Amino acid sequence: MKLPTDRARHSTGPEAGSAPVTVGAADAGVLLLRLAVGLILAGHGAQKLFGWFGGPGLEATGKGFSQLGWDPGVFFAGLAGVSEFLGGLGLAAGLLTPLSAAACIGVMVNAMAVAPDIDLWSAAGTAFAYPMLLAVGALTVAAVGPLGLSLDARFPWRNGGWVPAGVALVLGVVGAFIILALK
């Protein structure tokens, strides 16, 4: 694979000839961001759903959700786990990026809503800062787009923009507020 300094150029049909696909630094940088944010979220979802990576699994996570006032706890834990797992995998792969980002944003807005301390400068502030950074990372990917090294490379939202970012933000926040209202 040729790695020039310019943005990716993709041949999209026979009229493009045999021009090689080139990948720029932005494509690689966004791939790293997608992998970091997406796989962290997918891992947290797998902890909740399956007990992987030392996680408690769905039943124990459901009990924890119930203690926080989310009843039925198993339902809300499952919803959070599925949102993190599928949204994170979609974000990492660059698949249906605006929707994947919306799922990640929604679950992280809920995580911020139950954060015990929102003082960003204290050690306890990480309960708010961590989900905030993951939500901002997901929104950033939707705004910039998943670019060329993604499964969305042939879709119009490949290069991001206001519409994909707006879709991700609005769907994520509206979904989060619906879940908070059901709590």
N, C-alpha and C. Protein backbone atom coordinates (compact mmCIF):
# COMPACT_ATOMS: atom_id res chain seq x y z
N MET A 1 0.85 -1.17 0.00
CA MET A 1 0.00 0.00 0.00
C MET A 1 0.90 1.24 0.00
N LYS A 2 0.60 2.16 -0.86
CA LYS A 2 1.37 3.39 -0.98
C LYS A 2 0.84 4.40 0.03
N LEU A 3 1.69 5.04 0.79
CA LEU A 3 1.28 5.99 1.83
C LEU A 3 1.83 7.39 1.54
N PRO A 4 1.14 8.15 0.67
CA PRO A 4 1.60 9.52 0.42
C PRO A 4 1.11 10.47 1.50
N THR A 5 1.51 11.72 1.38
CA THR A 5 1.10 12.71 2.38
C THR A 5 -0.24 13.33 2.08
N ASP A 6 -0.80 13.11 0.90
CA ASP A 6 -2.10 13.71 0.59
C ASP A 6 -3.24 12.82 1.04
N ARG A 7 -4.46 13.34 0.94
CA ARG A 7 -5.66 12.58 1.34
C ARG A 7 -5.86 11.41 0.40
N ALA A 8 -6.65 10.45 0.81
CA ALA A 8 -6.90 9.24 0.03
C ALA A 8 -7.61 9.57 -1.28
N ARG A 9 -7.21 8.86 -2.34
CA ARG A 9 -7.90 8.91 -3.62
C ARG A 9 -8.37 7.50 -3.89
N HIS A 10 -9.64 7.36 -4.22
CA HIS A 10 -10.19 6.03 -4.44
C HIS A 10 -10.72 5.92 -5.85
N SER A 11 -10.40 4.83 -6.51
CA SER A 11 -11.01 4.58 -7.80
C SER A 11 -12.38 3.98 -7.54
N THR A 12 -13.39 4.53 -8.19
CA THR A 12 -14.76 4.11 -7.91
C THR A 12 -15.41 3.42 -9.09
N GLY A 13 -14.72 3.24 -10.15
CA GLY A 13 -15.33 2.59 -11.30
C GLY A 13 -14.34 2.43 -12.42
N PRO A 14 -14.83 1.90 -13.54
CA PRO A 14 -13.93 1.65 -14.65
C PRO A 14 -13.32 2.93 -15.22
N GLU A 15 -14.02 4.06 -15.11
CA GLU A 15 -13.47 5.30 -15.65
C GLU A 15 -12.23 5.75 -14.89
N ALA A 16 -12.03 5.25 -13.71
CA ALA A 16 -10.87 5.65 -12.93
C ALA A 16 -9.61 4.93 -13.37
N GLY A 17 -9.76 3.91 -14.19
CA GLY A 17 -8.60 3.19 -14.68
C GLY A 17 -7.97 2.34 -13.60
N SER A 18 -6.67 2.17 -13.70
CA SER A 18 -5.98 1.31 -12.74
C SER A 18 -5.18 2.13 -11.75
N ALA A 19 -5.64 3.34 -11.48
CA ALA A 19 -4.92 4.19 -10.52
C ALA A 19 -4.89 3.52 -9.15
N PRO A 20 -3.72 3.52 -8.51
CA PRO A 20 -3.63 2.87 -7.19
C PRO A 20 -4.39 3.67 -6.13
N VAL A 21 -4.92 2.94 -5.18
CA VAL A 21 -5.56 3.58 -4.03
C VAL A 21 -4.45 4.05 -3.10
N THR A 22 -4.49 5.31 -2.75
CA THR A 22 -3.48 5.83 -1.84
C THR A 22 -4.14 6.23 -0.53
N VAL A 23 -3.39 6.14 0.52
CA VAL A 23 -3.91 6.40 1.85
C VAL A 23 -3.08 7.49 2.49
N GLY A 24 -3.75 8.51 3.00
CA GLY A 24 -3.05 9.62 3.62
C GLY A 24 -2.97 9.48 5.12
N ALA A 25 -2.26 10.42 5.72
CA ALA A 25 -2.09 10.43 7.17
C ALA A 25 -3.42 10.59 7.88
N ALA A 26 -4.35 11.38 7.31
CA ALA A 26 -5.66 11.56 7.95
C ALA A 26 -6.42 10.24 8.02
N ASP A 27 -6.34 9.43 6.96
CA ASP A 27 -7.00 8.13 6.97
C ASP A 27 -6.46 7.25 8.09
N ALA A 28 -5.15 7.23 8.23
CA ALA A 28 -4.52 6.42 9.28
C ALA A 28 -4.84 6.97 10.67
N GLY A 29 -4.81 8.29 10.82
CA GLY A 29 -5.12 8.89 12.12
C GLY A 29 -6.56 8.63 12.55
N VAL A 30 -7.50 8.77 11.62
CA VAL A 30 -8.90 8.51 11.97
C VAL A 30 -9.10 7.03 12.25
N LEU A 31 -8.41 6.16 11.52
CA LEU A 31 -8.49 4.73 11.82
C LEU A 31 -8.04 4.46 13.26
N LEU A 32 -6.95 5.07 13.68
CA LEU A 32 -6.48 4.88 15.06
C LEU A 32 -7.51 5.38 16.08
N LEU A 33 -8.11 6.54 15.81
CA LEU A 33 -9.15 7.06 16.70
C LEU A 33 -10.35 6.13 16.74
N ARG A 34 -10.80 5.66 15.58
CA ARG A 34 -11.94 4.75 15.52
C ARG A 34 -11.64 3.47 16.29
N LEU A 35 -10.46 2.92 16.10
CA LEU A 35 -10.10 1.67 16.79
C LEU A 35 -10.03 1.88 18.30
N ALA A 36 -9.42 2.97 18.74
CA ALA A 36 -9.29 3.21 20.17
C ALA A 36 -10.65 3.39 20.83
N VAL A 37 -11.46 4.32 20.31
CA VAL A 37 -12.76 4.60 20.92
C VAL A 37 -13.69 3.41 20.73
N GLY A 38 -13.74 2.88 19.53
CA GLY A 38 -14.68 1.79 19.23
C GLY A 38 -14.38 0.52 20.00
N LEU A 39 -13.12 0.12 20.05
CA LEU A 39 -12.79 -1.13 20.73
C LEU A 39 -12.89 -1.00 22.25
N ILE A 40 -12.61 0.17 22.79
CA ILE A 40 -12.82 0.37 24.23
C ILE A 40 -14.30 0.22 24.55
N LEU A 41 -15.16 0.86 23.76
CA LEU A 41 -16.60 0.75 24.00
C LEU A 41 -17.10 -0.67 23.78
N ALA A 42 -16.64 -1.32 22.72
CA ALA A 42 -17.06 -2.69 22.47
C ALA A 42 -16.62 -3.61 23.61
N GLY A 43 -15.43 -3.38 24.15
CA GLY A 43 -14.96 -4.17 25.28
C GLY A 43 -15.82 -3.98 26.52
N HIS A 44 -16.23 -2.74 26.78
CA HIS A 44 -17.11 -2.48 27.92
C HIS A 44 -18.47 -3.15 27.71
N GLY A 45 -18.96 -3.11 26.48
CA GLY A 45 -20.21 -3.80 26.18
C GLY A 45 -20.10 -5.30 26.38
N ALA A 46 -18.97 -5.88 25.95
CA ALA A 46 -18.74 -7.31 26.12
C ALA A 46 -18.64 -7.68 27.60
N GLN A 47 -18.08 -6.79 28.42
CA GLN A 47 -18.05 -7.04 29.87
C GLN A 47 -19.46 -7.14 30.43
N LYS A 48 -20.32 -6.21 30.01
CA LYS A 48 -21.69 -6.19 30.52
C LYS A 48 -22.49 -7.39 30.02
N LEU A 49 -22.38 -7.68 28.73
CA LEU A 49 -23.22 -8.71 28.12
C LEU A 49 -22.74 -10.13 28.39
N PHE A 50 -21.44 -10.35 28.23
CA PHE A 50 -20.91 -11.71 28.23
C PHE A 50 -19.96 -12.03 29.38
N GLY A 51 -19.60 -11.03 30.17
CA GLY A 51 -18.64 -11.26 31.23
C GLY A 51 -17.21 -11.38 30.73
N TRP A 52 -16.96 -10.98 29.49
CA TRP A 52 -15.61 -11.05 28.93
C TRP A 52 -14.72 -9.98 29.56
N PHE A 53 -13.43 -10.16 29.44
CA PHE A 53 -12.42 -9.20 29.91
C PHE A 53 -12.59 -8.88 31.39
N GLY A 54 -12.98 -9.87 32.16
CA GLY A 54 -13.13 -9.68 33.59
C GLY A 54 -14.41 -8.98 34.00
N GLY A 55 -15.34 -8.84 33.08
CA GLY A 55 -16.60 -8.15 33.38
C GLY A 55 -17.56 -9.02 34.18
N PRO A 56 -18.58 -8.40 34.73
CA PRO A 56 -19.50 -9.13 35.59
C PRO A 56 -20.56 -9.94 34.86
N GLY A 57 -20.80 -9.69 33.58
CA GLY A 57 -21.87 -10.36 32.86
C GLY A 57 -23.20 -9.65 33.06
N LEU A 58 -24.20 -10.10 32.33
CA LEU A 58 -25.47 -9.40 32.27
C LEU A 58 -26.24 -9.40 33.59
N GLU A 59 -26.30 -10.53 34.27
CA GLU A 59 -27.08 -10.60 35.52
C GLU A 59 -26.50 -9.68 36.59
N ALA A 60 -25.20 -9.77 36.80
CA ALA A 60 -24.57 -8.93 37.82
C ALA A 60 -24.62 -7.46 37.43
N THR A 61 -24.41 -7.17 36.15
CA THR A 61 -24.51 -5.78 35.70
C THR A 61 -25.93 -5.27 35.90
N GLY A 62 -26.90 -6.13 35.63
CA GLY A 62 -28.30 -5.76 35.84
C GLY A 62 -28.60 -5.42 37.29
N LYS A 63 -28.01 -6.16 38.22
CA LYS A 63 -28.19 -5.83 39.64
C LYS A 63 -27.60 -4.46 39.96
N GLY A 64 -26.44 -4.17 39.39
CA GLY A 64 -25.83 -2.86 39.59
C GLY A 64 -26.69 -1.75 39.01
N PHE A 65 -27.26 -1.98 37.86
CA PHE A 65 -28.15 -0.98 37.26
C PHE A 65 -29.39 -0.77 38.13
N SER A 66 -29.92 -1.84 38.67
CA SER A 66 -31.09 -1.73 39.57
C SER A 66 -30.75 -0.89 40.80
N GLN A 67 -29.56 -1.09 41.35
CA GLN A 67 -29.15 -0.31 42.52
C GLN A 67 -29.02 1.18 42.20
N LEU A 68 -28.78 1.50 40.93
CA LEU A 68 -28.70 2.90 40.51
C LEU A 68 -30.07 3.46 40.11
N GLY A 69 -31.11 2.63 40.25
CA GLY A 69 -32.46 3.09 39.94
C GLY A 69 -32.93 2.78 38.54
N TRP A 70 -32.21 1.96 37.83
CA TRP A 70 -32.59 1.58 36.47
C TRP A 70 -33.33 0.24 36.53
N ASP A 71 -34.64 0.28 36.60
CA ASP A 71 -35.43 -0.95 36.69
C ASP A 71 -36.29 -1.12 35.45
N PRO A 72 -36.32 -2.31 34.88
CA PRO A 72 -35.60 -3.52 35.29
C PRO A 72 -34.12 -3.44 34.90
N GLY A 73 -33.28 -3.75 35.83
CA GLY A 73 -31.85 -3.60 35.67
C GLY A 73 -31.27 -4.41 34.53
N VAL A 74 -31.72 -5.65 34.36
CA VAL A 74 -31.16 -6.49 33.30
C VAL A 74 -31.49 -5.90 31.93
N PHE A 75 -32.69 -5.35 31.78
CA PHE A 75 -33.07 -4.72 30.50
C PHE A 75 -32.14 -3.55 30.19
N PHE A 76 -31.99 -2.65 31.15
CA PHE A 76 -31.16 -1.46 30.91
C PHE A 76 -29.68 -1.82 30.76
N ALA A 77 -29.22 -2.83 31.50
CA ALA A 77 -27.84 -3.28 31.35
C ALA A 77 -27.64 -3.89 29.96
N GLY A 78 -28.62 -4.66 29.51
CA GLY A 78 -28.54 -5.25 28.17
C GLY A 78 -28.55 -4.19 27.09
N LEU A 79 -29.40 -3.18 27.26
CA LEU A 79 -29.47 -2.09 26.29
C LEU A 79 -28.15 -1.33 26.24
N ALA A 80 -27.58 -1.03 27.40
CA ALA A 80 -26.28 -0.35 27.44
C ALA A 80 -25.20 -1.23 26.83
N GLY A 81 -25.20 -2.51 27.17
CA GLY A 81 -24.20 -3.42 26.64
C GLY A 81 -24.27 -3.57 25.13
N VAL A 82 -25.48 -3.72 24.60
CA VAL A 82 -25.64 -3.84 23.15
C VAL A 82 -25.22 -2.55 22.46
N SER A 83 -25.59 -1.40 23.03
CA SER A 83 -25.21 -0.12 22.43
C SER A 83 -23.70 0.05 22.40
N GLU A 84 -23.04 -0.29 23.50
CA GLU A 84 -21.58 -0.19 23.55
C GLU A 84 -20.92 -1.20 22.61
N PHE A 85 -21.40 -2.43 22.65
CA PHE A 85 -20.78 -3.50 21.88
C PHE A 85 -20.94 -3.28 20.38
N LEU A 86 -22.18 -3.14 19.91
CA LEU A 86 -22.41 -2.97 18.48
C LEU A 86 -21.99 -1.59 17.99
N GLY A 87 -22.29 -0.55 18.77
CA GLY A 87 -21.85 0.80 18.38
C GLY A 87 -20.34 0.88 18.32
N GLY A 88 -19.67 0.29 19.30
CA GLY A 88 -18.20 0.30 19.32
C GLY A 88 -17.60 -0.47 18.17
N LEU A 89 -18.14 -1.66 17.88
CA LEU A 89 -17.62 -2.42 16.74
C LEU A 89 -17.87 -1.69 15.43
N GLY A 90 -19.06 -1.09 15.29
CA GLY A 90 -19.36 -0.34 14.08
C GLY A 90 -18.44 0.86 13.91
N LEU A 91 -18.17 1.55 15.01
CA LEU A 91 -17.27 2.69 14.96
C LEU A 91 -15.85 2.24 14.59
N ALA A 92 -15.39 1.16 15.20
CA ALA A 92 -14.04 0.65 14.93
C ALA A 92 -13.89 0.24 13.46
N ALA A 93 -14.92 -0.39 12.92
CA ALA A 93 -14.86 -0.85 11.53
C ALA A 93 -15.19 0.25 10.54
N GLY A 94 -15.74 1.35 11.02
CA GLY A 94 -16.20 2.39 10.12
C GLY A 94 -17.42 1.93 9.35
N LEU A 95 -18.36 1.30 10.04
CA LEU A 95 -19.56 0.74 9.42
C LEU A 95 -20.79 1.49 9.94
N LEU A 96 -21.57 2.05 9.01
CA LEU A 96 -22.74 2.85 9.38
C LEU A 96 -22.34 3.86 10.46
N THR A 97 -21.31 4.58 10.17
CA THR A 97 -20.65 5.43 11.15
C THR A 97 -21.57 6.39 11.90
N PRO A 98 -22.47 7.13 11.23
CA PRO A 98 -23.33 8.04 12.00
C PRO A 98 -24.21 7.29 13.02
N LEU A 99 -24.72 6.12 12.65
CA LEU A 99 -25.55 5.35 13.57
C LEU A 99 -24.71 4.71 14.68
N SER A 100 -23.55 4.22 14.33
CA SER A 100 -22.65 3.65 15.34
C SER A 100 -22.24 4.71 16.35
N ALA A 101 -21.91 5.90 15.84
CA ALA A 101 -21.54 7.00 16.73
C ALA A 101 -22.72 7.39 17.61
N ALA A 102 -23.93 7.39 17.06
CA ALA A 102 -25.12 7.74 17.84
C ALA A 102 -25.31 6.77 19.00
N ALA A 103 -25.12 5.47 18.75
CA ALA A 103 -25.26 4.48 19.82
C ALA A 103 -24.23 4.74 20.92
N CYS A 104 -23.00 5.03 20.51
CA CYS A 104 -21.93 5.30 21.49
C CYS A 104 -22.22 6.58 22.27
N ILE A 105 -22.65 7.61 21.58
CA ILE A 105 -22.95 8.88 22.24
C ILE A 105 -24.09 8.70 23.23
N GLY A 106 -25.13 8.01 22.82
CA GLY A 106 -26.30 7.81 23.69
C GLY A 106 -25.95 7.12 24.99
N VAL A 107 -25.20 6.05 24.91
CA VAL A 107 -24.87 5.31 26.14
C VAL A 107 -23.90 6.12 27.00
N MET A 108 -23.03 6.90 26.39
CA MET A 108 -22.10 7.71 27.18
C MET A 108 -22.78 8.92 27.82
N VAL A 109 -23.81 9.48 27.18
CA VAL A 109 -24.59 10.55 27.81
C VAL A 109 -25.27 10.00 29.06
N ASN A 110 -25.80 8.79 28.98
CA ASN A 110 -26.40 8.17 30.17
C ASN A 110 -25.36 7.91 31.24
N ALA A 111 -24.17 7.49 30.85
CA ALA A 111 -23.10 7.28 31.83
C ALA A 111 -22.72 8.58 32.51
N MET A 112 -22.70 9.68 31.75
CA MET A 112 -22.39 10.98 32.35
C MET A 112 -23.50 11.43 33.28
N ALA A 113 -24.74 11.08 32.95
CA ALA A 113 -25.88 11.50 33.77
C ALA A 113 -25.86 10.88 35.16
N VAL A 114 -25.25 9.71 35.28
CA VAL A 114 -25.21 9.06 36.59
C VAL A 114 -23.86 9.21 37.26
N ALA A 115 -22.96 10.00 36.65
CA ALA A 115 -21.63 10.21 37.23
C ALA A 115 -21.78 10.87 38.61
N PRO A 116 -21.13 10.31 39.63
CA PRO A 116 -21.30 10.84 40.98
C PRO A 116 -20.67 12.20 41.20
N ASP A 117 -19.71 12.58 40.37
CA ASP A 117 -18.97 13.83 40.59
C ASP A 117 -18.58 14.39 39.23
N ILE A 118 -18.96 15.63 38.95
CA ILE A 118 -18.62 16.20 37.65
C ILE A 118 -17.51 17.24 37.76
N ASP A 119 -16.74 17.19 38.83
CA ASP A 119 -15.57 18.05 38.96
C ASP A 119 -14.44 17.42 38.14
N LEU A 120 -14.20 17.95 36.96
CA LEU A 120 -13.23 17.36 36.05
C LEU A 120 -11.81 17.34 36.61
N TRP A 121 -11.53 18.15 37.60
CA TRP A 121 -10.16 18.29 38.08
C TRP A 121 -9.87 17.45 39.31
N SER A 122 -10.86 16.73 39.82
CA SER A 122 -10.60 15.84 40.96
C SER A 122 -10.43 14.42 40.44
N ALA A 123 -9.88 13.57 41.27
CA ALA A 123 -9.71 12.17 40.89
C ALA A 123 -11.07 11.52 40.61
N ALA A 124 -12.10 11.91 41.35
CA ALA A 124 -13.44 11.35 41.14
C ALA A 124 -14.05 11.86 39.85
N GLY A 125 -13.51 12.94 39.29
CA GLY A 125 -14.04 13.51 38.06
C GLY A 125 -13.93 12.59 36.87
N THR A 126 -13.10 11.54 36.96
CA THR A 126 -12.98 10.61 35.85
C THR A 126 -14.29 9.90 35.58
N ALA A 127 -15.17 9.83 36.58
CA ALA A 127 -16.47 9.20 36.37
C ALA A 127 -17.28 9.98 35.33
N PHE A 128 -16.98 11.25 35.15
CA PHE A 128 -17.62 12.07 34.13
C PHE A 128 -16.72 12.23 32.91
N ALA A 129 -15.44 12.42 33.14
CA ALA A 129 -14.51 12.73 32.05
C ALA A 129 -14.35 11.56 31.08
N TYR A 130 -14.30 10.34 31.58
CA TYR A 130 -14.09 9.17 30.72
C TYR A 130 -15.23 9.00 29.71
N PRO A 131 -16.49 8.94 30.13
CA PRO A 131 -17.55 8.83 29.13
C PRO A 131 -17.66 10.07 28.24
N MET A 132 -17.31 11.24 28.78
CA MET A 132 -17.34 12.46 27.96
C MET A 132 -16.33 12.34 26.82
N LEU A 133 -15.12 11.87 27.12
CA LEU A 133 -14.11 11.72 26.08
C LEU A 133 -14.51 10.68 25.04
N LEU A 134 -15.12 9.59 25.46
CA LEU A 134 -15.57 8.58 24.51
C LEU A 134 -16.69 9.13 23.62
N ALA A 135 -17.62 9.88 24.20
CA ALA A 135 -18.70 10.48 23.41
C ALA A 135 -18.16 11.50 22.42
N VAL A 136 -17.22 12.34 22.86
CA VAL A 136 -16.62 13.33 21.97
C VAL A 136 -15.82 12.64 20.87
N GLY A 137 -15.13 11.56 21.21
CA GLY A 137 -14.40 10.80 20.19
C GLY A 137 -15.33 10.23 19.13
N ALA A 138 -16.47 9.68 19.56
CA ALA A 138 -17.44 9.13 18.61
C ALA A 138 -18.03 10.25 17.74
N LEU A 139 -18.34 11.38 18.34
CA LEU A 139 -18.88 12.51 17.58
C LEU A 139 -17.83 13.04 16.59
N THR A 140 -16.59 13.07 17.00
CA THR A 140 -15.51 13.52 16.12
C THR A 140 -15.40 12.62 14.89
N VAL A 141 -15.49 11.32 15.09
CA VAL A 141 -15.43 10.39 13.96
C VAL A 141 -16.60 10.63 13.00
N ALA A 142 -17.79 10.87 13.54
CA ALA A 142 -18.94 11.16 12.67
C ALA A 142 -18.73 12.47 11.91
N ALA A 143 -18.15 13.48 12.57
CA ALA A 143 -17.95 14.79 11.95
C ALA A 143 -16.88 14.75 10.86
N VAL A 144 -15.78 14.07 11.14
CA VAL A 144 -14.68 13.98 10.18
C VAL A 144 -14.96 12.90 9.14
N GLY A 145 -15.69 11.88 9.55
CA GLY A 145 -15.97 10.74 8.69
C GLY A 145 -14.99 9.63 8.95
N PRO A 146 -15.36 8.40 8.62
CA PRO A 146 -14.46 7.27 8.83
C PRO A 146 -13.33 7.21 7.81
N LEU A 147 -13.45 7.99 6.73
CA LEU A 147 -12.46 8.12 5.67
C LEU A 147 -12.26 6.80 4.92
N GLY A 148 -11.12 6.68 4.27
CA GLY A 148 -10.91 5.60 3.32
C GLY A 148 -10.68 4.23 3.89
N LEU A 149 -10.09 4.13 5.06
CA LEU A 149 -9.80 2.83 5.66
C LEU A 149 -11.00 2.39 6.51
N SER A 150 -12.15 2.25 5.87
CA SER A 150 -13.37 1.90 6.59
C SER A 150 -14.30 1.12 5.68
N LEU A 151 -15.28 0.47 6.28
CA LEU A 151 -16.30 -0.22 5.50
C LEU A 151 -17.28 0.77 4.88
N ASP A 152 -17.29 1.99 5.34
CA ASP A 152 -18.14 3.05 4.78
C ASP A 152 -17.44 3.82 3.66
N ALA A 153 -16.30 3.36 3.18
CA ALA A 153 -15.49 4.12 2.23
C ALA A 153 -16.24 4.50 0.96
N ARG A 154 -17.27 3.78 0.59
CA ARG A 154 -18.01 4.07 -0.64
C ARG A 154 -19.32 4.82 -0.39
N PHE A 155 -19.58 5.19 0.86
CA PHE A 155 -20.83 5.87 1.17
C PHE A 155 -20.61 7.38 1.28
N PRO A 156 -21.69 8.15 1.11
CA PRO A 156 -21.55 9.61 1.12
C PRO A 156 -21.04 10.17 2.44
N TRP A 157 -21.27 9.51 3.54
CA TRP A 157 -20.82 10.01 4.84
C TRP A 157 -19.37 9.65 5.12
N ARG A 158 -18.69 9.08 4.15
CA ARG A 158 -17.29 8.69 4.30
C ARG A 158 -16.42 9.85 4.76
N ASN A 159 -16.69 11.04 4.24
CA ASN A 159 -15.89 12.22 4.59
C ASN A 159 -16.55 13.08 5.64
N GLY A 160 -17.53 12.55 6.35
CA GLY A 160 -18.16 13.27 7.44
C GLY A 160 -18.90 14.50 6.97
N GLY A 161 -19.01 15.47 7.85
CA GLY A 161 -19.71 16.70 7.55
C GLY A 161 -20.74 17.01 8.63
N TRP A 162 -21.43 18.13 8.41
CA TRP A 162 -22.43 18.56 9.39
C TRP A 162 -23.60 17.58 9.50
N VAL A 163 -24.03 17.02 8.38
CA VAL A 163 -25.20 16.12 8.43
C VAL A 163 -24.88 14.83 9.19
N PRO A 164 -23.81 14.10 8.86
CA PRO A 164 -23.52 12.90 9.64
C PRO A 164 -23.26 13.20 11.12
N ALA A 165 -22.58 14.31 11.39
CA ALA A 165 -22.33 14.69 12.79
C ALA A 165 -23.64 15.03 13.49
N GLY A 166 -24.51 15.77 12.80
CA GLY A 166 -25.80 16.13 13.38
C GLY A 166 -26.67 14.92 13.63
N VAL A 167 -26.68 13.98 12.68
CA VAL A 167 -27.45 12.74 12.86
C VAL A 167 -26.94 11.99 14.09
N ALA A 168 -25.63 11.83 14.20
CA ALA A 168 -25.06 11.11 15.35
C ALA A 168 -25.39 11.81 16.66
N LEU A 169 -25.24 13.13 16.70
CA LEU A 169 -25.47 13.87 17.93
C LEU A 169 -26.95 13.87 18.31
N VAL A 170 -27.82 14.18 17.37
CA VAL A 170 -29.26 14.24 17.68
C VAL A 170 -29.79 12.87 18.07
N LEU A 171 -29.50 11.84 17.27
CA LEU A 171 -30.00 10.50 17.62
C LEU A 171 -29.43 10.03 18.96
N GLY A 172 -28.16 10.28 19.20
CA GLY A 172 -27.55 9.87 20.46
C GLY A 172 -28.15 10.57 21.66
N VAL A 173 -28.30 11.88 21.59
CA VAL A 173 -28.83 12.65 22.72
C VAL A 173 -30.31 12.37 22.92
N VAL A 174 -31.08 12.33 21.84
CA VAL A 174 -32.51 12.03 21.97
C VAL A 174 -32.71 10.63 22.54
N GLY A 175 -31.94 9.66 22.03
CA GLY A 175 -32.03 8.31 22.58
C GLY A 175 -31.67 8.26 24.06
N ALA A 176 -30.64 8.99 24.43
CA ALA A 176 -30.23 9.03 25.84
C ALA A 176 -31.33 9.63 26.71
N PHE A 177 -31.94 10.71 26.25
CA PHE A 177 -32.99 11.34 27.06
C PHE A 177 -34.24 10.46 27.14
N ILE A 178 -34.54 9.72 26.09
CA ILE A 178 -35.66 8.77 26.17
C ILE A 178 -35.38 7.71 27.23
N ILE A 179 -34.18 7.18 27.23
CA ILE A 179 -33.81 6.16 28.22
C ILE A 179 -33.83 6.77 29.63
N LEU A 180 -33.31 7.98 29.77
CA LEU A 180 -33.33 8.63 31.08
C LEU A 180 -34.76 8.87 31.55
N ALA A 181 -35.66 9.18 30.63
CA ALA A 181 -37.06 9.40 31.00
C ALA A 181 -37.73 8.10 31.43
N LEU A 182 -37.30 6.98 30.86
CA LEU A 182 -37.87 5.67 31.21
C LEU A 182 -37.32 5.13 32.52
N LYS A 183 -36.20 5.68 32.96
CA LYS A 183 -35.52 5.20 34.18
C LYS A 183 -36.42 5.26 35.38
